Amino acid sequence: MPFLHYLAAHRTPTLDAFFQAVSDIGHGYLLLAMGAAILWFASPRIGYRAFFGTLAADTLGDIVKALARVPRPWILDPTLLPVPSAQAAATSYSFPSGHTTLFSAFLLILAASLPAPWRRRALPAAIALSLLMALSRMYLGVHTPWDVSAGFLLAAAVAFATVRLAPRIETSPRARAAAALALLLAVAAVWIAFALLPPPEDNPQYAKSVYRDLCALLALLPAALLERRFVKHSPSALPPAYRLPALLLGLWGLLFTVNNLPLLLRPSLGPILAGNLSAAANPLWTALLFPLLLLPLRRP
């Protein structure tokens, strides 16, 4: 790990704060809020692409993490000391980097979904910001170059597949049905496979993130289909005077599903089921329930 030792030798309090802030931007819940705002007030088409693609990349990354079970850098090399604030949040396996995967997939899908004149400028910026995220994870000492490289390549592959497949899925009912069926079969196959795999003795909940990702996918699929079929949310139909209050209400709902709902469900359902249901509640609120609440505010 020579490169990580090199970065650790050149740490300063200012750089620590900067790269920690960069890393925090890649947190899944912040990207969820950004994607929700795009879906609600800019472009449902791009919003759904970002949601499905980013969640698919996150799911694949968590599957690889659970199967590879690569320890964090400071466990592989005890002489490498990570930044304490980043180490406290790095509780899962190391390979691939989840922050790099999520952040890169989100930005690449957004950039590649823009009209051509904007896309030519946005794609290099998306790649540069993704590399900055990867550097931040290495600077903080919580990922190796292999981890972040795998995360970026996984994100790029999923983004490419999303942008290539999305136009046909968006315009063809038959392609949409085939994609939905393929997604359901893939989720079922992964769920059954992890249910049959014996967990490691030192980490019986090693696949917790995988199950939560699958629950989110199972909720997002019907929510998106129902919204497109019956609600047909249109950002342009919402009067400008209502947009800021609506954004605040929508984000409050997201914060509730992320922070409060698990606490409410945990005493009666236990932490695992409460976490899975809360993961499903996020896309349900974003794609279906909140657009339903906005229906009375539409212009006639």
C-alpha atoms as a PDB file:
ATOM      1  CA  MET A   1       0.000   0.000   0.000  1.00  0.00           C
ATOM      2  CA  PRO A   2       2.715   2.506  -0.858  1.00  0.00           C
ATOM      3  CA  PHE A   3       0.318   5.056  -2.353  1.00  0.00           C
ATOM      4  CA  LEU A   4      -1.877   5.105   0.762  1.00  0.00           C
ATOM      5  CA  HIS A   5       1.209   5.570   2.943  1.00  0.00           C
ATOM      6  CA  TYR A   6       2.304   8.420   0.674  1.00  0.00           C
ATOM      7  CA  LEU A   7      -1.074  10.139   1.045  1.00  0.00           C
ATOM      8  CA  ALA A   8      -1.071   9.569   4.822  1.00  0.00           C
ATOM      9  CA  ALA A   9       2.385  11.163   5.094  1.00  0.00           C
ATOM     10  CA  HIS A  10       1.091  14.335   3.440  1.00  0.00           C
ATOM     11  CA  ARG A  11      -2.098  14.810   5.457  1.00  0.00           C
ATOM     12  CA  THR A  12      -2.899  18.193   6.973  1.00  0.00           C
ATOM     13  CA  PRO A  13      -5.929  19.337   8.986  1.00  0.00           C
ATOM     14  CA  THR A  14      -7.107  21.405   6.010  1.00  0.00           C
ATOM     15  CA  LEU A  15      -6.826  18.498   3.588  1.00  0.00           C
ATOM     16  CA  ASP A  16      -8.465  16.185   6.124  1.00  0.00           C
ATOM     17  CA  ALA A  17     -11.492  18.479   6.330  1.00  0.00           C
ATOM     18  CA  PHE A  18     -11.632  18.952   2.544  1.00  0.00           C
ATOM     19  CA  PHE A  19     -11.502  15.277   1.636  1.00  0.00           C
ATOM     20  CA  GLN A  20     -13.904  14.355   4.421  1.00  0.00           C
ATOM     21  CA  ALA A  21     -16.373  16.875   2.985  1.00  0.00           C
ATOM     22  CA  VAL A  22     -15.874  15.419  -0.514  1.00  0.00           C
ATOM     23  CA  SER A  23     -16.456  11.921   0.857  1.00  0.00           C
ATOM     24  CA  ASP A  24     -19.624  13.000   2.681  1.00  0.00           C
ATOM     25  CA  ILE A  25     -21.130  14.166  -0.632  1.00  0.00           C
ATOM     26  CA  GLY A  26     -20.996  10.562  -1.825  1.00  0.00           C
ATOM     27  CA  HIS A  27     -23.234   9.361   0.973  1.00  0.00           C
ATOM     28  CA  GLY A  28     -26.215   7.468  -0.406  1.00  0.00           C
ATOM     29  CA  TYR A  29     -28.841   9.554   1.348  1.00  0.00           C
ATOM     30  CA  LEU A  30     -27.544  12.843  -0.064  1.00  0.00           C
ATOM     31  CA  LEU A  31     -27.589  11.358  -3.572  1.00  0.00           C
ATOM     32  CA  LEU A  32     -31.120  10.107  -2.867  1.00  0.00           C
ATOM     33  CA  ALA A  33     -32.210  13.662  -2.060  1.00  0.00           C
ATOM     34  CA  MET A  34     -30.557  15.041  -5.201  1.00  0.00           C
ATOM     35  CA  GLY A  35     -32.155  12.369  -7.375  1.00  0.00           C
ATOM     36  CA  ALA A  36     -35.543  12.988  -5.794  1.00  0.00           C
ATOM     37  CA  ALA A  37     -35.319  16.715  -6.478  1.00  0.00           C
ATOM     38  CA  ILE A  38     -34.507  15.990 -10.134  1.00  0.00           C
ATOM     39  CA  LEU A  39     -37.432  13.583 -10.450  1.00  0.00           C
ATOM     40  CA  TRP A  40     -39.896  15.954  -8.747  1.00  0.00           C
ATOM     41  CA  PHE A  41     -38.924  19.311 -10.225  1.00  0.00           C
ATOM     42  CA  ALA A  42     -36.750  18.824 -13.323  1.00  0.00           C
ATOM     43  CA  SER A  43     -37.102  15.609 -15.333  1.00  0.00           C
ATOM     44  CA  PRO A  44     -38.816  12.380 -14.233  1.00  0.00           C
ATOM     45  CA  ARG A  45     -37.122  10.624 -17.151  1.00  0.00           C
ATOM     46  CA  ILE A  46     -33.621  11.497 -15.960  1.00  0.00           C
ATOM     47  CA  GLY A  47     -34.635  11.036 -12.333  1.00  0.00           C
ATOM     48  CA  TYR A  48     -35.791   7.462 -12.907  1.00  0.00           C
ATOM     49  CA  ARG A  49     -32.655   6.657 -14.874  1.00  0.00           C
ATOM     50  CA  ALA A  50     -30.527   7.946 -12.024  1.00  0.00           C
ATOM     51  CA  PHE A  51     -32.556   6.047  -9.415  1.00  0.00           C
ATOM     52  CA  PHE A  52     -32.597   2.677 -11.155  1.00  0.00           C
ATOM     53  CA  GLY A  53     -29.016   2.883 -12.414  1.00  0.00           C
ATOM     54  CA  THR A  54     -27.490   4.101  -9.162  1.00  0.00           C
ATOM     55  CA  LEU A  55     -29.429   1.563  -7.105  1.00  0.00           C
ATOM     56  CA  ALA A  56     -28.399  -1.220  -9.502  1.00  0.00           C
ATOM     57  CA  ALA A  57     -24.740  -0.188  -9.209  1.00  0.00           C
ATOM     58  CA  ASP A  58     -25.010  -0.016  -5.426  1.00  0.00           C
ATOM     59  CA  THR A  59     -26.619  -3.465  -5.312  1.00  0.00           C
ATOM     60  CA  LEU A  60     -23.929  -5.020  -7.517  1.00  0.00           C
ATOM     61  CA  GLY A  61     -21.227  -3.376  -5.430  1.00  0.00           C
ATOM     62  CA  ASP A  62     -22.706  -4.695  -2.194  1.00  0.00           C
ATOM     63  CA  ILE A  63     -22.993  -8.185  -3.698  1.00  0.00           C
ATOM     64  CA  VAL A  64     -19.301  -8.115  -4.604  1.00  0.00           C
ATOM     65  CA  LYS A  65     -18.444  -6.804  -1.124  1.00  0.00           C
ATOM     66  CA  ALA A  66     -20.368  -9.621   0.547  1.00  0.00           C
ATOM     67  CA  LEU A  67     -18.765 -12.280  -1.641  1.00  0.00           C
ATOM     68  CA  ALA A  68     -15.188 -10.959  -1.742  1.00  0.00           C
ATOM     69  CA  ARG A  69     -15.074  -9.970   1.970  1.00  0.00           C
ATOM     70  CA  VAL A  70     -11.905  -7.925   1.581  1.00  0.00           C
ATOM     71  CA  PRO A  71     -10.877  -6.271   4.875  1.00  0.00           C
ATOM     72  CA  ARG A  72     -10.255  -2.545   5.171  1.00  0.00           C
ATOM     73  CA  PRO A  73      -6.721  -1.229   4.488  1.00  0.00           C
ATOM     74  CA  TRP A  74      -5.806  -0.686   8.148  1.00  0.00           C
ATOM     75  CA  ILE A  75      -6.652  -4.329   8.870  1.00  0.00           C
ATOM     76  CA  LEU A  76      -4.481  -5.532   5.991  1.00  0.00           C
ATOM     77  CA  ASP A  77      -1.688  -3.170   7.039  1.00  0.00           C
ATOM     78  CA  PRO A  78      -1.818  -2.154  10.729  1.00  0.00           C
ATOM     79  CA  THR A  79       0.845   0.514  10.141  1.00  0.00           C
ATOM     80  CA  LEU A  80      -1.622   2.473   7.988  1.00  0.00           C
ATOM     81  CA  LEU A  81      -3.713   4.805  10.131  1.00  0.00           C
ATOM     82  CA  PRO A  82      -6.901   6.164   8.537  1.00  0.00           C
ATOM     83  CA  VAL A  83      -8.466   9.511   9.359  1.00  0.00           C
ATOM     84  CA  PRO A  84     -10.536   8.753  12.500  1.00  0.00           C
ATOM     85  CA  SER A  85     -13.725  10.453  11.308  1.00  0.00           C
ATOM     86  CA  ALA A  86     -13.741   8.335   8.149  1.00  0.00           C
ATOM     87  CA  GLN A  87     -12.752   5.130   9.923  1.00  0.00           C
ATOM     88  CA  ALA A  88     -15.741   5.383  12.277  1.00  0.00           C
ATOM     89  CA  ALA A  89     -18.163   5.199   9.343  1.00  0.00           C
ATOM     90  CA  ALA A  90     -16.272   2.504   7.407  1.00  0.00           C
ATOM     91  CA  THR A  91     -17.904  -0.558   8.945  1.00  0.00           C
ATOM     92  CA  SER A  92     -18.432  -2.752   5.866  1.00  0.00           C
ATOM     93  CA  TYR A  93     -15.984  -4.646   3.694  1.00  0.00           C
ATOM     94  CA  SER A  94     -13.572  -2.710   1.504  1.00  0.00           C
ATOM     95  CA  PHE A  95     -13.833  -3.994  -2.093  1.00  0.00           C
ATOM     96  CA  PRO A  96     -15.254  -2.251  -4.082  1.00  0.00           C
ATOM     97  CA  SER A  97     -15.603   1.294  -2.760  1.00  0.00           C
ATOM     98  CA  GLY A  98     -19.289   2.019  -2.183  1.00  0.00           C
ATOM     99  CA  HIS A  99     -18.872   5.798  -2.185  1.00  0.00           C
ATOM    100  CA  THR A 100     -17.023   5.705  -5.507  1.00  0.00           C
ATOM    101  CA  THR A 101     -19.579   3.344  -7.028  1.00  0.00           C
ATOM    102  CA  LEU A 102     -22.623   5.354  -5.923  1.00  0.00           C
ATOM    103  CA  PHE A 103     -21.260   8.798  -6.692  1.00  0.00           C
ATOM    104  CA  SER A 104     -19.787   7.828 -10.070  1.00  0.00           C
ATOM    105  CA  ALA A 105     -22.900   5.974 -11.235  1.00  0.00           C
ATOM    106  CA  PHE A 106     -25.141   8.883 -10.256  1.00  0.00           C
ATOM    107  CA  LEU A 107     -23.042  11.549 -11.985  1.00  0.00           C
ATOM    108  CA  LEU A 108     -22.294   9.511 -15.100  1.00  0.00           C
ATOM    109  CA  ILE A 109     -25.962   8.649 -15.643  1.00  0.00           C
ATOM    110  CA  LEU A 110     -27.028  12.263 -15.157  1.00  0.00           C
ATOM    111  CA  ALA A 111     -24.344  13.569 -17.500  1.00  0.00           C
ATOM    112  CA  ALA A 112     -24.976  10.961 -20.195  1.00  0.00           C
ATOM    113  CA  SER A 113     -28.746  11.622 -20.095  1.00  0.00           C
ATOM    114  CA  LEU A 114     -28.423  15.331 -20.904  1.00  0.00           C
ATOM    115  CA  PRO A 115     -28.951  16.724 -24.424  1.00  0.00           C
ATOM    116  CA  ALA A 116     -25.886  16.459 -26.666  1.00  0.00           C
ATOM    117  CA  PRO A 117     -24.527  20.037 -26.272  1.00  0.00           C
ATOM    118  CA  TRP A 118     -24.641  19.757 -22.475  1.00  0.00           C
ATOM    119  CA  ARG A 119     -23.487  16.126 -22.435  1.00  0.00           C
ATOM    120  CA  ARG A 120     -20.147  16.924 -24.062  1.00  0.00           C
ATOM    121  CA  ARG A 121     -19.333  19.294 -21.202  1.00  0.00           C
ATOM    122  CA  ALA A 122     -20.973  17.327 -18.405  1.00  0.00           C
ATOM    123  CA  LEU A 123     -19.318  13.938 -18.992  1.00  0.00           C
ATOM    124  CA  PRO A 124     -15.706  15.132 -18.444  1.00  0.00           C
ATOM    125  CA  ALA A 125     -16.862  16.979 -15.324  1.00  0.00           C
ATOM    126  CA  ALA A 126     -18.627  13.852 -14.051  1.00  0.00           C
ATOM    127  CA  ILE A 127     -15.483  11.770 -14.604  1.00  0.00           C
ATOM    128  CA  ALA A 128     -13.293  14.365 -12.882  1.00  0.00           C
ATOM    129  CA  LEU A 129     -15.595  14.551  -9.849  1.00  0.00           C
ATOM    130  CA  SER A 130     -15.752  10.746  -9.678  1.00  0.00           C
ATOM    131  CA  LEU A 131     -11.949  10.591  -9.618  1.00  0.00           C
ATOM    132  CA  LEU A 132     -11.927  13.220  -6.872  1.00  0.00           C
ATOM    133  CA  MET A 133     -14.286  11.046  -4.841  1.00  0.00           C
ATOM    134  CA  ALA A 134     -11.988   8.059  -5.392  1.00  0.00           C
ATOM    135  CA  LEU A 135      -8.978  10.112  -4.268  1.00  0.00           C
ATOM    136  CA  SER A 136     -10.821  11.244  -1.139  1.00  0.00           C
ATOM    137  CA  ARG A 137     -11.493   7.641  -0.103  1.00  0.00           C
ATOM    138  CA  MET A 138      -7.810   6.772  -0.525  1.00  0.00           C
ATOM    139  CA  TYR A 139      -6.611   9.943   1.204  1.00  0.00           C
ATOM    140  CA  LEU A 140      -8.811   9.149   4.204  1.00  0.00           C
ATOM    141  CA  GLY A 141      -7.237   5.694   4.331  1.00  0.00           C
ATOM    142  CA  VAL A 142     -10.454   3.691   4.053  1.00  0.00           C
ATOM    143  CA  HIS A 143      -9.954   2.239   0.541  1.00  0.00           C
ATOM    144  CA  THR A 144      -7.109   1.008  -1.643  1.00  0.00           C
ATOM    145  CA  PRO A 145      -6.546   1.935  -5.306  1.00  0.00           C
ATOM    146  CA  TRP A 146      -8.017  -1.463  -6.254  1.00  0.00           C
ATOM    147  CA  ASP A 147     -11.185  -0.689  -4.300  1.00  0.00           C
ATOM    148  CA  VAL A 148     -11.859   2.668  -5.925  1.00  0.00           C
ATOM    149  CA  SER A 149     -10.842   1.470  -9.407  1.00  0.00           C
ATOM    150  CA  ALA A 150     -13.304  -1.403  -9.200  1.00  0.00           C
ATOM    151  CA  GLY A 151     -16.007   0.941  -7.930  1.00  0.00           C
ATOM    152  CA  PHE A 152     -15.507   3.391 -10.785  1.00  0.00           C
ATOM    153  CA  LEU A 153     -15.415   0.691 -13.461  1.00  0.00           C
ATOM    154  CA  LEU A 154     -18.551  -0.937 -12.059  1.00  0.00           C
ATOM    155  CA  ALA A 155     -20.313   2.424 -12.023  1.00  0.00           C
ATOM    156  CA  ALA A 156     -19.219   3.214 -15.582  1.00  0.00           C
ATOM    157  CA  ALA A 157     -20.474  -0.162 -16.839  1.00  0.00           C
ATOM    158  CA  VAL A 158     -23.861   0.246 -15.144  1.00  0.00           C
ATOM    159  CA  ALA A 159     -24.168   3.851 -16.357  1.00  0.00           C
ATOM    160  CA  PHE A 160     -23.412   2.765 -19.929  1.00  0.00           C
ATOM    161  CA  ALA A 161     -25.992  -0.035 -19.761  1.00  0.00           C
ATOM    162  CA  THR A 162     -28.589   2.275 -18.193  1.00  0.00           C
ATOM    163  CA  VAL A 163     -28.248   4.992 -20.824  1.00  0.00           C
ATOM    164  CA  ARG A 164     -28.248   2.462 -23.685  1.00  0.00           C
ATOM    165  CA  LEU A 165     -31.287   0.494 -22.470  1.00  0.00           C
ATOM    166  CA  ALA A 166     -33.365   3.321 -21.010  1.00  0.00           C
ATOM    167  CA  PRO A 167     -34.724   4.873 -24.255  1.00  0.00           C
ATOM    168  CA  ARG A 168     -36.255   1.585 -25.395  1.00  0.00           C
ATOM    169  CA  ILE A 169     -37.648   0.786 -21.940  1.00  0.00           C
ATOM    170  CA  GLU A 170     -39.154   4.276 -21.704  1.00  0.00           C
ATOM    171  CA  THR A 171     -40.928   4.058 -25.070  1.00  0.00           C
ATOM    172  CA  SER A 172     -41.824   0.372 -25.501  1.00  0.00           C
ATOM    173  CA  PRO A 173     -44.363  -1.333 -23.199  1.00  0.00           C
ATOM    174  CA  ARG A 174     -43.008  -4.737 -24.236  1.00  0.00           C
ATOM    175  CA  ALA A 175     -39.438  -3.749 -23.403  1.00  0.00           C
ATOM    176  CA  ARG A 176     -40.630  -2.261 -20.119  1.00  0.00           C
ATOM    177  CA  ALA A 177     -42.396  -5.499 -19.175  1.00  0.00           C
ATOM    178  CA  ALA A 178     -39.349  -7.561 -20.133  1.00  0.00           C
ATOM    179  CA  ALA A 179     -37.071  -5.334 -18.065  1.00  0.00           C
ATOM    180  CA  ALA A 180     -39.398  -5.535 -15.066  1.00  0.00           C
ATOM    181  CA  LEU A 181     -39.532  -9.331 -15.305  1.00  0.00           C
ATOM    182  CA  ALA A 182     -35.752  -9.573 -15.643  1.00  0.00           C
ATOM    183  CA  LEU A 183     -35.293  -7.344 -12.601  1.00  0.00           C
ATOM    184  CA  LEU A 184     -37.701  -9.420 -10.503  1.00  0.00           C
ATOM    185  CA  LEU A 185     -35.974 -12.668 -11.501  1.00  0.00           C
ATOM    186  CA  ALA A 186     -32.551 -11.204 -10.733  1.00  0.00           C
ATOM    187  CA  VAL A 187     -33.687  -9.971  -7.314  1.00  0.00           C
ATOM    188  CA  ALA A 188     -35.210 -13.365  -6.507  1.00  0.00           C
ATOM    189  CA  ALA A 189     -32.069 -15.209  -7.631  1.00  0.00           C
ATOM    190  CA  VAL A 190     -29.777 -13.020  -5.519  1.00  0.00           C
ATOM    191  CA  TRP A 191     -32.077 -13.257  -2.483  1.00  0.00           C
ATOM    192  CA  ILE A 192     -32.223 -17.052  -2.665  1.00  0.00           C
ATOM    193  CA  ALA A 193     -28.473 -17.348  -3.251  1.00  0.00           C
ATOM    194  CA  PHE A 194     -27.597 -15.299  -0.170  1.00  0.00           C
ATOM    195  CA  ALA A 195     -30.205 -17.106   1.896  1.00  0.00           C
ATOM    196  CA  LEU A 196     -28.503 -20.399   1.047  1.00  0.00           C
ATOM    197  CA  LEU A 197     -24.917 -19.204   1.493  1.00  0.00           C
ATOM    198  CA  PRO A 198     -23.529 -19.821   4.992  1.00  0.00           C
ATOM    199  CA  PRO A 199     -22.527 -16.497   6.602  1.00  0.00           C
ATOM    200  CA  PRO A 200     -19.013 -16.017   7.990  1.00  0.00           C
ATOM    201  CA  GLU A 201     -18.775 -16.773  11.695  1.00  0.00           C
ATOM    202  CA  ASP A 202     -17.318 -13.367  12.531  1.00  0.00           C
ATOM    203  CA  ASN A 203     -19.977 -11.400  10.602  1.00  0.00           C
ATOM    204  CA  PRO A 204     -23.396 -13.104  10.441  1.00  0.00           C
ATOM    205  CA  GLN A 205     -25.024  -9.934   9.051  1.00  0.00           C
ATOM    206  CA  TYR A 206     -22.512  -9.628   6.195  1.00  0.00           C
ATOM    207  CA  ALA A 207     -25.272  -9.405   3.555  1.00  0.00           C
ATOM    208  CA  LYS A 208     -27.409  -6.826   5.372  1.00  0.00           C
ATOM    209  CA  SER A 209     -26.767  -4.142   2.749  1.00  0.00           C
ATOM    210  CA  VAL A 210     -27.576  -6.559  -0.081  1.00  0.00           C
ATOM    211  CA  TYR A 211     -31.016  -7.331   1.360  1.00  0.00           C
ATOM    212  CA  ARG A 212     -31.753  -3.635   1.859  1.00  0.00           C
ATOM    213  CA  ASP A 213     -30.762  -2.897  -1.731  1.00  0.00           C
ATOM    214  CA  LEU A 214     -33.048  -5.675  -2.953  1.00  0.00           C
ATOM    215  CA  CYS A 215     -35.952  -4.329  -0.888  1.00  0.00           C
ATOM    216  CA  ALA A 216     -35.391  -0.880  -2.367  1.00  0.00           C
ATOM    217  CA  LEU A 217     -35.415  -2.312  -5.904  1.00  0.00           C
ATOM    218  CA  LEU A 218     -38.589  -4.305  -5.187  1.00  0.00           C
ATOM    219  CA  ALA A 219     -40.271  -1.105  -3.994  1.00  0.00           C
ATOM    220  CA  LEU A 220     -38.951   1.190  -6.720  1.00  0.00           C
ATOM    221  CA  LEU A 221     -40.146  -1.015  -9.585  1.00  0.00           C
ATOM    222  CA  PRO A 222     -43.911  -1.020  -8.824  1.00  0.00           C
ATOM    223  CA  ALA A 223     -43.779   2.570  -7.550  1.00  0.00           C
ATOM    224  CA  ALA A 224     -42.298   3.789 -10.843  1.00  0.00           C
ATOM    225  CA  LEU A 225     -44.681   1.712 -12.958  1.00  0.00           C
ATOM    226  CA  LEU A 226     -47.749   2.923 -11.031  1.00  0.00           C
ATOM    227  CA  GLU A 227     -46.606   6.544 -11.108  1.00  0.00           C
ATOM    228  CA  ARG A 228     -45.971   6.510 -14.863  1.00  0.00           C
ATOM    229  CA  ARG A 229     -49.262   4.703 -15.530  1.00  0.00           C
ATOM    230  CA  PHE A 230     -51.662   6.608 -13.283  1.00  0.00           C
ATOM    231  CA  VAL A 231     -50.055   9.702 -11.704  1.00  0.00           C
ATOM    232  CA  LYS A 232     -47.919  10.892 -14.636  1.00  0.00           C
ATOM    233  CA  HIS A 233     -46.093  13.500 -12.597  1.00  0.00           C
ATOM    234  CA  SER A 234     -45.092  16.559 -14.639  1.00  0.00           C
ATOM    235  CA  PRO A 235     -42.780  19.156 -13.046  1.00  0.00           C
ATOM    236  CA  SER A 236     -43.965  21.844 -15.477  1.00  0.00           C
ATOM    237  CA  ALA A 237     -47.539  21.485 -14.183  1.00  0.00           C
ATOM    238  CA  LEU A 238     -46.525  22.565 -10.671  1.00  0.00           C
ATOM    239  CA  PRO A 239     -46.864  26.355 -10.178  1.00  0.00           C
ATOM    240  CA  PRO A 240     -43.528  28.017  -9.312  1.00  0.00           C
ATOM    241  CA  ALA A 241     -44.905  29.432  -6.051  1.00  0.00           C
ATOM    242  CA  TYR A 242     -45.433  25.905  -4.712  1.00  0.00           C
ATOM    243  CA  ARG A 243     -42.051  24.456  -5.647  1.00  0.00           C
ATOM    244  CA  LEU A 244     -39.952  25.512  -2.655  1.00  0.00           C
ATOM    245  CA  PRO A 245     -42.550  24.442  -0.045  1.00  0.00           C
ATOM    246  CA  ALA A 246     -43.076  21.206  -1.978  1.00  0.00           C
ATOM    247  CA  LEU A 247     -39.324  20.551  -2.047  1.00  0.00           C
ATOM    248  CA  LEU A 248     -39.071  21.069   1.706  1.00  0.00           C
ATOM    249  CA  LEU A 249     -42.018  18.736   2.305  1.00  0.00           C
ATOM    250  CA  GLY A 250     -40.576  16.089   0.003  1.00  0.00           C
ATOM    251  CA  LEU A 251     -37.161  16.214   1.652  1.00  0.00           C
ATOM    252  CA  TRP A 252     -38.780  16.054   5.093  1.00  0.00           C
ATOM    253  CA  GLY A 253     -40.531  12.861   4.015  1.00  0.00           C
ATOM    254  CA  LEU A 254     -37.219  11.406   2.861  1.00  0.00           C
ATOM    255  CA  LEU A 255     -35.553  12.318   6.160  1.00  0.00           C
ATOM    256  CA  PHE A 256     -38.418  10.663   8.016  1.00  0.00           C
ATOM    257  CA  THR A 257     -38.037   7.388   6.111  1.00  0.00           C
ATOM    258  CA  VAL A 258     -34.259   7.460   6.601  1.00  0.00           C
ATOM    259  CA  ASN A 259     -33.967   8.537  10.246  1.00  0.00           C
ATOM    260  CA  ASN A 260     -37.291   8.165  12.053  1.00  0.00           C
ATOM    261  CA  LEU A 261     -39.072   5.242  10.435  1.00  0.00           C
ATOM    262  CA  PRO A 262     -36.406   2.675  11.428  1.00  0.00           C
ATOM    263  CA  LEU A 263     -36.620   3.860  15.041  1.00  0.00           C
ATOM    264  CA  LEU A 264     -40.404   3.544  15.031  1.00  0.00           C
ATOM    265  CA  LEU A 265     -40.375   0.050  13.513  1.00  0.00           C
ATOM    266  CA  ARG A 266     -37.410  -1.402  15.392  1.00  0.00           C
ATOM    267  CA  PRO A 267     -39.115  -2.139  18.755  1.00  0.00           C
ATOM    268  CA  SER A 268     -41.835  -4.277  17.175  1.00  0.00           C
ATOM    269  CA  LEU A 269     -40.082  -5.705  14.104  1.00  0.00           C
ATOM    270  CA  GLY A 270     -36.436  -5.870  15.107  1.00  0.00           C
ATOM    271  CA  PRO A 271     -33.499  -4.037  13.488  1.00  0.00           C
ATOM    272  CA  ILE A 272     -33.188  -6.204  10.358  1.00  0.00           C
ATOM    273  CA  LEU A 273     -36.832  -6.083   9.213  1.00  0.00           C
ATOM    274  CA  ALA A 274     -37.115  -2.435  10.231  1.00  0.00           C
ATOM    275  CA  GLY A 275     -34.085  -1.604   8.097  1.00  0.00           C
ATOM    276  CA  ASN A 276     -35.443  -3.522   5.102  1.00  0.00           C
ATOM    277  CA  LEU A 277     -38.865  -1.843   5.295  1.00  0.00           C
ATOM    278  CA  SER A 278     -37.273   1.577   5.678  1.00  0.00           C
ATOM    279  CA  ALA A 279     -35.126   0.919   2.607  1.00  0.00           C
ATOM    280  CA  ALA A 280     -38.305   0.123   0.675  1.00  0.00           C
ATOM    281  CA  ALA A 281     -40.067   3.219   2.024  1.00  0.00           C
ATOM    282  CA  ASN A 282     -37.525   5.606   0.435  1.00  0.00           C
ATOM    283  CA  PRO A 283     -38.368   4.816  -3.224  1.00  0.00           C
ATOM    284  CA  LEU A 284     -42.071   4.422  -2.413  1.00  0.00           C
ATOM    285  CA  TRP A 285     -42.172   7.962  -1.053  1.00  0.00           C
ATOM    286  CA  THR A 286     -39.986   9.401  -3.785  1.00  0.00           C
ATOM    287  CA  ALA A 287     -41.537   7.770  -6.849  1.00  0.00           C
ATOM    288  CA  LEU A 288     -45.189   7.340  -5.869  1.00  0.00           C
ATOM    289  CA  LEU A 289     -46.477   8.807  -2.611  1.00  0.00           C
ATOM    290  CA  PHE A 290     -45.028  12.298  -2.913  1.00  0.00           C
ATOM    291  CA  PRO A 291     -46.050  12.726  -6.589  1.00  0.00           C
ATOM    292  CA  LEU A 292     -49.544  11.693  -5.480  1.00  0.00           C
ATOM    293  CA  LEU A 293     -49.519  14.469  -2.863  1.00  0.00           C
ATOM    294  CA  LEU A 294     -48.572  16.974  -5.547  1.00  0.00           C
ATOM    295  CA  LEU A 295     -51.568  16.106  -7.752  1.00  0.00           C
ATOM    296  CA  PRO A 296     -53.950  18.702  -6.219  1.00  0.00           C
ATOM    297  CA  LEU A 297     -51.357  21.439  -6.790  1.00  0.00           C
ATOM    298  CA  ARG A 298     -51.164  20.940 -10.543  1.00  0.00           C
ATOM    299  CA  ARG A 299     -52.302  23.658 -12.878  1.00  0.00           C
ATOM    300  CA  PRO A 300     -55.563  22.741 -14.656  1.00  0.00           C
END
